[in-house]
């Protein structure tokens, strides 16, 4: 007789926790501590647990690899690196490898993957079109607005609008009346970036405030960026600065401090896509998008689609949170 396959019930019994907690840890979903994560995976390895998904992959003769595409323009931002590590963790736990795609497809091509994740895709991105034309099962992290969007199998989104409204309303409660918005150049902004700018404008209209919005080009040379930030920080009457993308909060903070201004006192500073350091800083109002957990959740959605869940599927990623300033 072949040995009985270890199940999540066996792991739960071994650790004295619920089977739903074990399932959440192994699937990379829900909320659990780092200690619980370590205990569950340690017990799974010790008992010889093989996930159902990995077993199904073997039976279906899958390639055993999934792809990840991150647009070239944002690859230097920490959010996308942490997301990629989360996706790698999710892929490993499902018995698959993670393959990072090069940003420039050269003509028609095949993809040696079972499915692919694309994160914050621009509407006309040729890689997304190449994946769809090749018939690859695609999960878009952030809504895709380009041609062929009906062929996107799954979409995973954070609740950006709700979280941003928490930031905006908090600024209003703190008495801020001239909030300056640092957005992303609309020619290269992903869908959430465009939605964020419109969300800011709408909130200003509702609150009776004048909107002051600057678009920062992603390809601006450092000297040009420094001059632009110098001018933005000197905006007359500005009592709050809201940074939509990563990479601008720290240089704005440095300029405010050099000008003798004190975040949390005579000015507020907010990041709508905070890095780890920014989300832990008590000086800032910060949205922590939990990129590592986000990447794991994207892999879990792709795995469900590959396992037969009927497309299209839309899911919300609810682990992201707003952290108000402590001052």
C-alpha atoms as a PDB file:
ATOM      1  CA  UNK A   1       0.000   0.000   0.000  1.00  0.00           C
ATOM      2  CA  UNK A   2       1.176   3.517  -0.768  1.00  0.00           C
ATOM      3  CA  UNK A   3       1.470   5.833   2.228  1.00  0.00           C
ATOM      4  CA  UNK A   4      -1.490   8.091   2.982  1.00  0.00           C
ATOM      5  CA  UNK A   5      -1.058  11.621   1.638  1.00  0.00           C
ATOM      6  CA  UNK A   6      -0.582  14.259   4.332  1.00  0.00           C
ATOM      7  CA  UNK A   7      -3.423  16.812   4.433  1.00  0.00           C
ATOM      8  CA  UNK A   8      -3.922  20.252   5.963  1.00  0.00           C
ATOM      9  CA  UNK A   9      -5.906  18.520   8.723  1.00  0.00           C
ATOM     10  CA  UNK A  10      -2.743  16.641   9.719  1.00  0.00           C
ATOM     11  CA  UNK A  11      -0.772  19.890   9.849  1.00  0.00           C
ATOM     12  CA  UNK A  12      -3.497  21.620  11.863  1.00  0.00           C
ATOM     13  CA  UNK A  13      -3.593  18.725  14.337  1.00  0.00           C
ATOM     14  CA  UNK A  14       0.197  18.757  14.631  1.00  0.00           C
ATOM     15  CA  UNK A  15       0.259  22.463  15.509  1.00  0.00           C
ATOM     16  CA  UNK A  16      -3.012  22.703  17.405  1.00  0.00           C
ATOM     17  CA  UNK A  17      -4.478  25.373  15.138  1.00  0.00           C
ATOM     18  CA  UNK A  18      -7.476  25.502  12.799  1.00  0.00           C
ATOM     19  CA  UNK A  19      -7.341  23.944   9.346  1.00  0.00           C
ATOM     20  CA  UNK A  20      -8.581  27.243   7.860  1.00  0.00           C
ATOM     21  CA  UNK A  21      -5.481  28.983   9.264  1.00  0.00           C
ATOM     22  CA  UNK A  22      -3.266  26.292   7.733  1.00  0.00           C
ATOM     23  CA  UNK A  23      -5.053  26.663   4.387  1.00  0.00           C
ATOM     24  CA  UNK A  24      -4.641  30.449   4.462  1.00  0.00           C
ATOM     25  CA  UNK A  25      -0.927  30.191   5.147  1.00  0.00           C
ATOM     26  CA  UNK A  26      -0.300  27.583   2.454  1.00  0.00           C
ATOM     27  CA  UNK A  27      -2.378  29.520  -0.100  1.00  0.00           C
ATOM     28  CA  UNK A  28      -0.917  32.894   0.854  1.00  0.00           C
ATOM     29  CA  UNK A  29      -4.304  34.404   1.674  1.00  0.00           C
ATOM     30  CA  UNK A  30      -5.826  36.056   4.745  1.00  0.00           C
ATOM     31  CA  UNK A  31      -4.021  37.468   7.779  1.00  0.00           C
ATOM     32  CA  UNK A  32      -1.533  35.585   9.941  1.00  0.00           C
ATOM     33  CA  UNK A  33       1.664  36.299  11.809  1.00  0.00           C
ATOM     34  CA  UNK A  34       5.188  35.605  10.582  1.00  0.00           C
ATOM     35  CA  UNK A  35       5.521  33.060  13.408  1.00  0.00           C
ATOM     36  CA  UNK A  36       2.413  31.166  12.242  1.00  0.00           C
ATOM     37  CA  UNK A  37       3.704  31.254   8.666  1.00  0.00           C
ATOM     38  CA  UNK A  38       7.020  29.734   9.754  1.00  0.00           C
ATOM     39  CA  UNK A  39       5.361  27.075  11.931  1.00  0.00           C
ATOM     40  CA  UNK A  40       2.947  25.938   9.220  1.00  0.00           C
ATOM     41  CA  UNK A  41       5.568  25.683   6.483  1.00  0.00           C
ATOM     42  CA  UNK A  42       7.982  23.974   8.846  1.00  0.00           C
ATOM     43  CA  UNK A  43       5.354  21.382   9.761  1.00  0.00           C
ATOM     44  CA  UNK A  44       4.355  20.929   6.123  1.00  0.00           C
ATOM     45  CA  UNK A  45       7.943  20.193   5.153  1.00  0.00           C
ATOM     46  CA  UNK A  46       8.514  17.934   8.152  1.00  0.00           C
ATOM     47  CA  UNK A  47       5.359  15.868   7.509  1.00  0.00           C
ATOM     48  CA  UNK A  48       5.917  15.665   3.736  1.00  0.00           C
ATOM     49  CA  UNK A  49       2.885  17.709   2.699  1.00  0.00           C
ATOM     50  CA  UNK A  50       2.338  18.176  -1.063  1.00  0.00           C
ATOM     51  CA  UNK A  51      -0.201  20.847  -2.030  1.00  0.00           C
ATOM     52  CA  UNK A  52      -3.232  19.874  -4.055  1.00  0.00           C
ATOM     53  CA  UNK A  53      -2.252  22.489  -6.589  1.00  0.00           C
ATOM     54  CA  UNK A  54       1.196  20.985  -7.050  1.00  0.00           C
ATOM     55  CA  UNK A  55      -0.325  17.517  -7.411  1.00  0.00           C
ATOM     56  CA  UNK A  56      -2.848  18.775  -9.962  1.00  0.00           C
ATOM     57  CA  UNK A  57      -0.030  20.429 -11.904  1.00  0.00           C
ATOM     58  CA  UNK A  58       1.791  17.125 -12.172  1.00  0.00           C
ATOM     59  CA  UNK A  59      -1.352  15.296 -13.313  1.00  0.00           C
ATOM     60  CA  UNK A  60      -2.109  17.941 -15.905  1.00  0.00           C
ATOM     61  CA  UNK A  61       1.485  17.857 -17.232  1.00  0.00           C
ATOM     62  CA  UNK A  62       1.901  21.564 -16.769  1.00  0.00           C
ATOM     63  CA  UNK A  63       5.124  23.372 -17.509  1.00  0.00           C
ATOM     64  CA  UNK A  64       5.467  24.305 -13.850  1.00  0.00           C
ATOM     65  CA  UNK A  65       6.291  27.975 -14.403  1.00  0.00           C
ATOM     66  CA  UNK A  66       4.404  31.248 -14.270  1.00  0.00           C
ATOM     67  CA  UNK A  67       5.468  34.567 -15.743  1.00  0.00           C
ATOM     68  CA  UNK A  68       5.644  38.043 -14.240  1.00  0.00           C
ATOM     69  CA  UNK A  69       5.741  41.221 -16.284  1.00  0.00           C
ATOM     70  CA  UNK A  70       6.633  44.540 -14.651  1.00  0.00           C
ATOM     71  CA  UNK A  71       6.765  47.594 -16.970  1.00  0.00           C
ATOM     72  CA  UNK A  72      10.291  48.932 -17.463  1.00  0.00           C
ATOM     73  CA  UNK A  73       9.363  52.437 -16.274  1.00  0.00           C
ATOM     74  CA  UNK A  74       8.663  51.297 -12.681  1.00  0.00           C
ATOM     75  CA  UNK A  75      11.141  48.470 -12.146  1.00  0.00           C
ATOM     76  CA  UNK A  76      13.389  50.599  -9.947  1.00  0.00           C
ATOM     77  CA  UNK A  77      10.640  51.191  -7.358  1.00  0.00           C
ATOM     78  CA  UNK A  78      10.715  49.102  -4.187  1.00  0.00           C
ATOM     79  CA  UNK A  79       7.007  48.247  -4.356  1.00  0.00           C
ATOM     80  CA  UNK A  80       7.482  46.210  -7.523  1.00  0.00           C
ATOM     81  CA  UNK A  81      10.576  44.441  -6.210  1.00  0.00           C
ATOM     82  CA  UNK A  82       8.712  43.418  -3.031  1.00  0.00           C
ATOM     83  CA  UNK A  83       5.703  42.357  -5.111  1.00  0.00           C
ATOM     84  CA  UNK A  84       7.988  40.168  -7.239  1.00  0.00           C
ATOM     85  CA  UNK A  85       9.430  38.507  -4.130  1.00  0.00           C
ATOM     86  CA  UNK A  86       5.878  37.843  -2.919  1.00  0.00           C
ATOM     87  CA  UNK A  87       4.974  36.325  -6.279  1.00  0.00           C
ATOM     88  CA  UNK A  88       8.127  34.169  -6.114  1.00  0.00           C
ATOM     89  CA  UNK A  89       7.104  32.933  -2.659  1.00  0.00           C
ATOM     90  CA  UNK A  90       3.593  32.141  -3.883  1.00  0.00           C
ATOM     91  CA  UNK A  91       4.941  30.337  -6.946  1.00  0.00           C
ATOM     92  CA  UNK A  92       7.345  28.259  -4.852  1.00  0.00           C
ATOM     93  CA  UNK A  93       4.585  27.231  -2.470  1.00  0.00           C
ATOM     94  CA  UNK A  94       2.396  26.131  -5.373  1.00  0.00           C
ATOM     95  CA  UNK A  95       5.188  24.026  -6.878  1.00  0.00           C
ATOM     96  CA  UNK A  96       6.068  26.390  -9.732  1.00  0.00           C
ATOM     97  CA  UNK A  97       8.959  28.584 -10.845  1.00  0.00           C
ATOM     98  CA  UNK A  98       8.603  32.323 -11.446  1.00  0.00           C
ATOM     99  CA  UNK A  99       9.916  33.773 -14.708  1.00  0.00           C
ATOM    100  CA  UNK A 100      10.451  37.527 -15.112  1.00  0.00           C
ATOM    101  CA  UNK A 101       9.701  38.625 -18.671  1.00  0.00           C
ATOM    102  CA  UNK A 102      11.920  41.057 -20.558  1.00  0.00           C
ATOM    103  CA  UNK A 103      10.059  44.291 -21.325  1.00  0.00           C
ATOM    104  CA  UNK A 104      10.306  44.273 -25.109  1.00  0.00           C
ATOM    105  CA  UNK A 105       8.710  41.435 -27.089  1.00  0.00           C
ATOM    106  CA  UNK A 106      10.312  41.134 -30.517  1.00  0.00           C
ATOM    107  CA  UNK A 107       7.570  39.997 -32.845  1.00  0.00           C
ATOM    108  CA  UNK A 108       5.277  36.999 -32.281  1.00  0.00           C
ATOM    109  CA  UNK A 109       6.613  34.657 -29.622  1.00  0.00           C
ATOM    110  CA  UNK A 110       5.687  31.706 -27.500  1.00  0.00           C
ATOM    111  CA  UNK A 111       5.723  31.758 -23.721  1.00  0.00           C
ATOM    112  CA  UNK A 112       6.872  28.672 -21.822  1.00  0.00           C
ATOM    113  CA  UNK A 113       4.613  29.339 -18.848  1.00  0.00           C
ATOM    114  CA  UNK A 114       1.269  28.076 -17.556  1.00  0.00           C
ATOM    115  CA  UNK A 115       0.025  31.603 -16.934  1.00  0.00           C
ATOM    116  CA  UNK A 116       1.266  35.126 -16.283  1.00  0.00           C
ATOM    117  CA  UNK A 117       0.859  38.118 -13.986  1.00  0.00           C
ATOM    118  CA  UNK A 118       1.041  41.665 -15.351  1.00  0.00           C
ATOM    119  CA  UNK A 119       1.171  44.494 -12.835  1.00  0.00           C
ATOM    120  CA  UNK A 120      -0.048  48.041 -13.489  1.00  0.00           C
ATOM    121  CA  UNK A 121      -0.054  47.529 -17.263  1.00  0.00           C
ATOM    122  CA  UNK A 122      -0.300  50.552 -19.536  1.00  0.00           C
ATOM    123  CA  UNK A 123      -3.147  50.354 -22.109  1.00  0.00           C
ATOM    124  CA  UNK A 124      -0.863  50.033 -25.138  1.00  0.00           C
ATOM    125  CA  UNK A 125       1.838  47.848 -23.607  1.00  0.00           C
ATOM    126  CA  UNK A 126       3.051  45.443 -26.325  1.00  0.00           C
ATOM    127  CA  UNK A 127       3.982  42.702 -23.823  1.00  0.00           C
ATOM    128  CA  UNK A 128       0.409  42.442 -22.559  1.00  0.00           C
ATOM    129  CA  UNK A 129      -0.844  42.173 -26.130  1.00  0.00           C
ATOM    130  CA  UNK A 130       1.774  39.521 -26.929  1.00  0.00           C
ATOM    131  CA  UNK A 131       0.678  37.438 -23.927  1.00  0.00           C
ATOM    132  CA  UNK A 132      -2.999  37.711 -24.854  1.00  0.00           C
ATOM    133  CA  UNK A 133      -2.321  36.938 -28.525  1.00  0.00           C
ATOM    134  CA  UNK A 134      -0.395  33.828 -27.456  1.00  0.00           C
ATOM    135  CA  UNK A 135      -3.422  32.606 -25.498  1.00  0.00           C
ATOM    136  CA  UNK A 136      -1.687  32.804 -22.099  1.00  0.00           C
ATOM    137  CA  UNK A 137      -3.927  32.903 -19.009  1.00  0.00           C
ATOM    138  CA  UNK A 138      -3.292  36.429 -17.717  1.00  0.00           C
ATOM    139  CA  UNK A 139      -4.012  37.987 -14.327  1.00  0.00           C
ATOM    140  CA  UNK A 140      -3.809  41.784 -14.299  1.00  0.00           C
ATOM    141  CA  UNK A 141      -2.826  43.358 -10.977  1.00  0.00           C
ATOM    142  CA  UNK A 142      -4.626  46.651 -11.377  1.00  0.00           C
ATOM    143  CA  UNK A 143      -7.257  47.108 -14.027  1.00  0.00           C
ATOM    144  CA  UNK A 144      -6.182  46.835 -17.661  1.00  0.00           C
ATOM    145  CA  UNK A 145      -7.842  49.346 -20.020  1.00  0.00           C
ATOM    146  CA  UNK A 146      -6.189  48.375 -23.298  1.00  0.00           C
ATOM    147  CA  UNK A 147      -7.342  46.464 -26.366  1.00  0.00           C
ATOM    148  CA  UNK A 148      -8.197  42.870 -25.553  1.00  0.00           C
ATOM    149  CA  UNK A 149      -9.207  43.604 -21.965  1.00  0.00           C
ATOM    150  CA  UNK A 150     -12.058  41.106 -22.349  1.00  0.00           C
ATOM    151  CA  UNK A 151      -9.401  38.382 -22.660  1.00  0.00           C
ATOM    152  CA  UNK A 152      -7.898  39.140 -19.241  1.00  0.00           C
ATOM    153  CA  UNK A 153      -8.737  36.058 -17.164  1.00  0.00           C
ATOM    154  CA  UNK A 154      -8.433  37.637 -13.727  1.00  0.00           C
ATOM    155  CA  UNK A 155      -8.042  41.048 -12.124  1.00  0.00           C
ATOM    156  CA  UNK A 156      -6.736  41.747  -8.622  1.00  0.00           C
ATOM    157  CA  UNK A 157      -7.076  45.252  -7.197  1.00  0.00           C
ATOM    158  CA  UNK A 158      -6.378  47.033  -3.941  1.00  0.00           C
ATOM    159  CA  UNK A 159      -9.113  49.367  -2.768  1.00  0.00           C
ATOM    160  CA  UNK A 160      -7.130  52.442  -3.777  1.00  0.00           C
ATOM    161  CA  UNK A 161     -10.084  54.825  -3.862  1.00  0.00           C
ATOM    162  CA  UNK A 162     -11.318  53.990  -0.360  1.00  0.00           C
ATOM    163  CA  UNK A 163      -7.827  54.147   1.141  1.00  0.00           C
ATOM    164  CA  UNK A 164      -7.033  57.433  -0.585  1.00  0.00           C
ATOM    165  CA  UNK A 165     -10.294  58.923   0.679  1.00  0.00           C
ATOM    166  CA  UNK A 166      -9.154  58.078   4.202  1.00  0.00           C
ATOM    167  CA  UNK A 167      -5.955  60.061   3.572  1.00  0.00           C
ATOM    168  CA  UNK A 168      -7.789  63.026   2.038  1.00  0.00           C
ATOM    169  CA  UNK A 169     -10.424  63.200   4.765  1.00  0.00           C
ATOM    170  CA  UNK A 170      -7.761  62.960   7.453  1.00  0.00           C
ATOM    171  CA  UNK A 171      -5.975  65.949   5.921  1.00  0.00           C
ATOM    172  CA  UNK A 172      -9.253  67.851   5.940  1.00  0.00           C
ATOM    173  CA  UNK A 173      -9.825  67.038   9.611  1.00  0.00           C
ATOM    174  CA  UNK A 174      -6.323  68.317  10.353  1.00  0.00           C
ATOM    175  CA  UNK A 175      -7.277  71.678   8.848  1.00  0.00           C
ATOM    176  CA  UNK A 176      -5.417  71.419   5.552  1.00  0.00           C
ATOM    177  CA  UNK A 177      -6.956  73.629   2.857  1.00  0.00           C
ATOM    178  CA  UNK A 178      -4.267  73.790   0.137  1.00  0.00           C
ATOM    179  CA  UNK A 179      -3.196  70.197  -0.508  1.00  0.00           C
ATOM    180  CA  UNK A 180      -0.738  69.817  -3.385  1.00  0.00           C
ATOM    181  CA  UNK A 181      -0.871  66.587  -5.388  1.00  0.00           C
ATOM    182  CA  UNK A 182       2.232  65.049  -6.996  1.00  0.00           C
ATOM    183  CA  UNK A 183       0.901  62.692  -9.642  1.00  0.00           C
ATOM    184  CA  UNK A 184       2.348  60.548 -12.394  1.00  0.00           C
ATOM    185  CA  UNK A 185       2.629  61.794 -15.970  1.00  0.00           C
ATOM    186  CA  UNK A 186      -0.690  60.734 -17.515  1.00  0.00           C
ATOM    187  CA  UNK A 187       1.070  59.566 -20.689  1.00  0.00           C
ATOM    188  CA  UNK A 188       2.728  56.748 -18.722  1.00  0.00           C
ATOM    189  CA  UNK A 189       0.525  56.366 -15.658  1.00  0.00           C
ATOM    190  CA  UNK A 190      -1.075  52.978 -14.966  1.00  0.00           C
ATOM    191  CA  UNK A 191      -4.834  52.876 -14.446  1.00  0.00           C
ATOM    192  CA  UNK A 192      -4.584  53.370 -10.676  1.00  0.00           C
ATOM    193  CA  UNK A 193      -2.438  56.463 -11.216  1.00  0.00           C
ATOM    194  CA  UNK A 194      -5.034  58.050 -13.485  1.00  0.00           C
ATOM    195  CA  UNK A 195      -7.842  57.080 -11.093  1.00  0.00           C
ATOM    196  CA  UNK A 196      -5.874  58.540  -8.172  1.00  0.00           C
ATOM    197  CA  UNK A 197      -5.521  61.940  -9.844  1.00  0.00           C
ATOM    198  CA  UNK A 198      -9.248  62.038 -10.625  1.00  0.00           C
ATOM    199  CA  UNK A 199     -10.050  60.914  -7.075  1.00  0.00           C
ATOM    200  CA  UNK A 200      -8.022  63.874  -5.774  1.00  0.00           C
ATOM    201  CA  UNK A 201      -9.786  66.326  -8.099  1.00  0.00           C
ATOM    202  CA  UNK A 202     -13.210  65.013  -7.120  1.00  0.00           C
ATOM    203  CA  UNK A 203     -12.408  65.234  -3.415  1.00  0.00           C
ATOM    204  CA  UNK A 204     -11.231  68.838  -3.828  1.00  0.00           C
ATOM    205  CA  UNK A 205     -14.492  69.742  -5.604  1.00  0.00           C
ATOM    206  CA  UNK A 206     -16.565  68.097  -2.873  1.00  0.00           C
ATOM    207  CA  UNK A 207     -14.579  69.793  -0.098  1.00  0.00           C
ATOM    208  CA  UNK A 208     -14.619  73.188  -1.800  1.00  0.00           C
ATOM    209  CA  UNK A 209     -10.839  73.234  -2.189  1.00  0.00           C
ATOM    210  CA  UNK A 210      -8.725  74.341  -5.118  1.00  0.00           C
ATOM    211  CA  UNK A 211      -6.898  71.420  -6.700  1.00  0.00           C
ATOM    212  CA  UNK A 212      -3.180  71.946  -7.275  1.00  0.00           C
ATOM    213  CA  UNK A 213      -1.824  69.039  -9.299  1.00  0.00           C
ATOM    214  CA  UNK A 214       1.628  68.463 -10.722  1.00  0.00           C
ATOM    215  CA  UNK A 215       2.498  65.590 -13.068  1.00  0.00           C
ATOM    216  CA  UNK A 216       5.985  64.192 -12.621  1.00  0.00           C
ATOM    217  CA  UNK A 217       7.463  62.476 -15.702  1.00  0.00           C
ATOM    218  CA  UNK A 218       8.960  59.081 -14.908  1.00  0.00           C
ATOM    219  CA  UNK A 219      11.899  59.653 -17.269  1.00  0.00           C
ATOM    220  CA  UNK A 220      12.921  63.087 -15.936  1.00  0.00           C
ATOM    221  CA  UNK A 221      16.668  63.520 -15.373  1.00  0.00           C
ATOM    222  CA  UNK A 222      17.736  64.184 -11.779  1.00  0.00           C
ATOM    223  CA  UNK A 223      18.568  67.870 -12.343  1.00  0.00           C
ATOM    224  CA  UNK A 224      15.174  68.477 -13.902  1.00  0.00           C
ATOM    225  CA  UNK A 225      13.429  66.576 -11.109  1.00  0.00           C
ATOM    226  CA  UNK A 226      15.293  68.582  -8.443  1.00  0.00           C
ATOM    227  CA  UNK A 227      14.228  71.884 -10.034  1.00  0.00           C
ATOM    228  CA  UNK A 228      10.631  70.713 -10.340  1.00  0.00           C
ATOM    229  CA  UNK A 229      10.469  69.577  -6.710  1.00  0.00           C
ATOM    230  CA  UNK A 230      12.017  72.869  -5.551  1.00  0.00           C
ATOM    231  CA  UNK A 231       9.225  74.711  -7.340  1.00  0.00           C
ATOM    232  CA  UNK A 232       6.489  72.377  -6.055  1.00  0.00           C
ATOM    233  CA  UNK A 233       7.517  72.746  -2.410  1.00  0.00           C
ATOM    234  CA  UNK A 234       7.389  76.543  -2.784  1.00  0.00           C
ATOM    235  CA  UNK A 235       3.727  76.472  -3.958  1.00  0.00           C
ATOM    236  CA  UNK A 236       2.094  79.502  -2.262  1.00  0.00           C
ATOM    237  CA  UNK A 237      -0.055  78.554   0.717  1.00  0.00           C
ATOM    238  CA  UNK A 238       0.619  74.816   0.432  1.00  0.00           C
ATOM    239  CA  UNK A 239      -0.128  73.097   3.747  1.00  0.00           C
ATOM    240  CA  UNK A 240      -0.037  69.457   2.584  1.00  0.00           C
ATOM    241  CA  UNK A 241       1.751  67.448  -0.090  1.00  0.00           C
ATOM    242  CA  UNK A 242       0.287  64.181  -1.410  1.00  0.00           C
ATOM    243  CA  UNK A 243       2.666  61.896  -3.335  1.00  0.00           C
ATOM    244  CA  UNK A 244       0.885  59.422  -5.615  1.00  0.00           C
ATOM    245  CA  UNK A 245       3.858  57.264  -6.576  1.00  0.00           C
ATOM    246  CA  UNK A 246       6.965  56.030  -4.818  1.00  0.00           C
ATOM    247  CA  UNK A 247      10.235  57.927  -4.787  1.00  0.00           C
ATOM    248  CA  UNK A 248       9.017  61.493  -4.175  1.00  0.00           C
ATOM    249  CA  UNK A 249       8.071  61.572  -0.490  1.00  0.00           C
ATOM    250  CA  UNK A 250      11.626  61.543   0.850  1.00  0.00           C
ATOM    251  CA  UNK A 251      12.982  64.393  -1.341  1.00  0.00           C
ATOM    252  CA  UNK A 252       9.879  66.486  -0.591  1.00  0.00           C
ATOM    253  CA  UNK A 253      10.399  65.870   3.133  1.00  0.00           C
ATOM    254  CA  UNK A 254      14.043  66.928   2.871  1.00  0.00           C
ATOM    255  CA  UNK A 255      13.051  70.187   1.173  1.00  0.00           C
ATOM    256  CA  UNK A 256      10.369  70.926   3.754  1.00  0.00           C
ATOM    257  CA  UNK A 257      12.808  70.412   6.619  1.00  0.00           C
ATOM    258  CA  UNK A 258      15.426  72.576   4.886  1.00  0.00           C
ATOM    259  CA  UNK A 259      12.799  75.323   4.618  1.00  0.00           C
ATOM    260  CA  UNK A 260      12.132  75.114   8.367  1.00  0.00           C
ATOM    261  CA  UNK A 261       8.753  73.452   8.064  1.00  0.00           C
ATOM    262  CA  UNK A 262       7.664  70.662  10.405  1.00  0.00           C
ATOM    263  CA  UNK A 263       5.570  67.736   9.074  1.00  0.00           C
ATOM    264  CA  UNK A 264       2.643  67.147  11.401  1.00  0.00           C
ATOM    265  CA  UNK A 265       2.708  70.766  12.561  1.00  0.00           C
ATOM    266  CA  UNK A 266       2.540  73.466   9.886  1.00  0.00           C
ATOM    267  CA  UNK A 267       2.440  71.003   6.969  1.00  0.00           C
ATOM    268  CA  UNK A 268       1.431  67.405   6.280  1.00  0.00           C
ATOM    269  CA  UNK A 269       3.037  64.892   3.931  1.00  0.00           C
ATOM    270  CA  UNK A 270       1.241  61.834   2.584  1.00  0.00           C
ATOM    271  CA  UNK A 271       2.324  58.855   0.482  1.00  0.00           C
ATOM    272  CA  UNK A 272      -0.361  56.916  -1.415  1.00  0.00           C
ATOM    273  CA  UNK A 273       2.013  54.030  -2.237  1.00  0.00           C
ATOM    274  CA  UNK A 274       4.466  54.048   0.630  1.00  0.00           C
ATOM    275  CA  UNK A 275       7.714  52.134   0.740  1.00  0.00           C
ATOM    276  CA  UNK A 276       8.383  50.044   3.847  1.00  0.00           C
ATOM    277  CA  UNK A 277      10.375  52.854   5.483  1.00  0.00           C
ATOM    278  CA  UNK A 278       7.688  55.417   4.677  1.00  0.00           C
ATOM    279  CA  UNK A 279       4.844  53.268   5.995  1.00  0.00           C
ATOM    280  CA  UNK A 280       6.730  52.813   9.284  1.00  0.00           C
ATOM    281  CA  UNK A 281       7.474  56.527   9.658  1.00  0.00           C
ATOM    282  CA  UNK A 282       5.309  58.373  12.149  1.00  0.00           C
ATOM    283  CA  UNK A 283       5.870  61.650  10.269  1.00  0.00           C
ATOM    284  CA  UNK A 284       3.862  60.632   7.214  1.00  0.00           C
ATOM    285  CA  UNK A 285       0.324  59.739   6.340  1.00  0.00           C
ATOM    286  CA  UNK A 286       0.935  56.518   4.418  1.00  0.00           C
ATOM    287  CA  UNK A 287      -0.920  53.822   2.529  1.00  0.00           C
ATOM    288  CA  UNK A 288       0.871  50.503   2.943  1.00  0.00           C
ATOM    289  CA  UNK A 289      -0.087  48.358  -0.061  1.00  0.00           C
ATOM    290  CA  UNK A 290       1.552  45.249   1.459  1.00  0.00           C
ATOM    291  CA  UNK A 291       3.362  44.368  -1.784  1.00  0.00           C
ATOM    292  CA  UNK A 292       4.716  40.967  -0.646  1.00  0.00           C
ATOM    293  CA  UNK A 293       1.247  39.732   0.339  1.00  0.00           C
ATOM    294  CA  UNK A 294      -0.139  41.348  -2.824  1.00  0.00           C
ATOM    295  CA  UNK A 295       2.218  39.248  -4.971  1.00  0.00           C
ATOM    296  CA  UNK A 296       1.228  36.064  -3.151  1.00  0.00           C
ATOM    297  CA  UNK A 297      -2.469  36.850  -3.602  1.00  0.00           C
ATOM    298  CA  UNK A 298      -1.951  37.408  -7.338  1.00  0.00           C
ATOM    299  CA  UNK A 299      -0.330  33.982  -7.685  1.00  0.00           C
ATOM    300  CA  UNK A 300      -3.198  32.423  -5.714  1.00  0.00           C
ATOM    301  CA  UNK A 301      -5.730  33.964  -8.136  1.00  0.00           C
ATOM    302  CA  UNK A 302      -3.779  32.720 -11.155  1.00  0.00           C
ATOM    303  CA  UNK A 303      -3.559  29.263  -9.583  1.00  0.00           C
ATOM    304  CA  UNK A 304      -7.331  29.144  -9.119  1.00  0.00           C
ATOM    305  CA  UNK A 305      -7.852  30.055 -12.770  1.00  0.00           C
ATOM    306  CA  UNK A 306      -5.407  27.370 -13.887  1.00  0.00           C
ATOM    307  CA  UNK A 307      -7.248  24.904 -11.645  1.00  0.00           C
ATOM    308  CA  UNK A 308     -10.482  25.536 -13.509  1.00  0.00           C
ATOM    309  CA  UNK A 309     -12.197  28.535 -11.901  1.00  0.00           C
ATOM    310  CA  UNK A 310     -14.245  30.116 -14.668  1.00  0.00           C
ATOM    311  CA  UNK A 311     -12.891  33.377 -16.086  1.00  0.00           C
ATOM    312  CA  UNK A 312     -13.188  36.297 -15.853  1.00  0.00           C
ATOM    313  CA  UNK A 313     -12.606  36.694 -12.126  1.00  0.00           C
ATOM    314  CA  UNK A 314     -12.272  39.959 -10.203  1.00  0.00           C
ATOM    315  CA  UNK A 315     -10.948  40.001  -6.647  1.00  0.00           C
ATOM    316  CA  UNK A 316     -10.155  42.730  -4.154  1.00  0.00           C
ATOM    317  CA  UNK A 317      -6.895  42.695  -2.227  1.00  0.00           C
ATOM    318  CA  UNK A 318      -7.962  43.779   1.258  1.00  0.00           C
ATOM    319  CA  UNK A 319      -4.677  43.595   3.189  1.00  0.00           C
ATOM    320  CA  UNK A 320      -3.588  47.134   2.230  1.00  0.00           C
ATOM    321  CA  UNK A 321      -4.121  49.738   4.952  1.00  0.00           C
ATOM    322  CA  UNK A 322      -3.904  53.444   5.754  1.00  0.00           C
ATOM    323  CA  UNK A 323      -1.551  54.478   8.537  1.00  0.00           C
ATOM    324  CA  UNK A 324      -2.164  58.040   9.783  1.00  0.00           C
ATOM    325  CA  UNK A 325       0.728  60.129  11.098  1.00  0.00           C
ATOM    326  CA  UNK A 326       1.427  59.724  14.800  1.00  0.00           C
ATOM    327  CA  UNK A 327       1.936  63.450  15.323  1.00  0.00           C
END
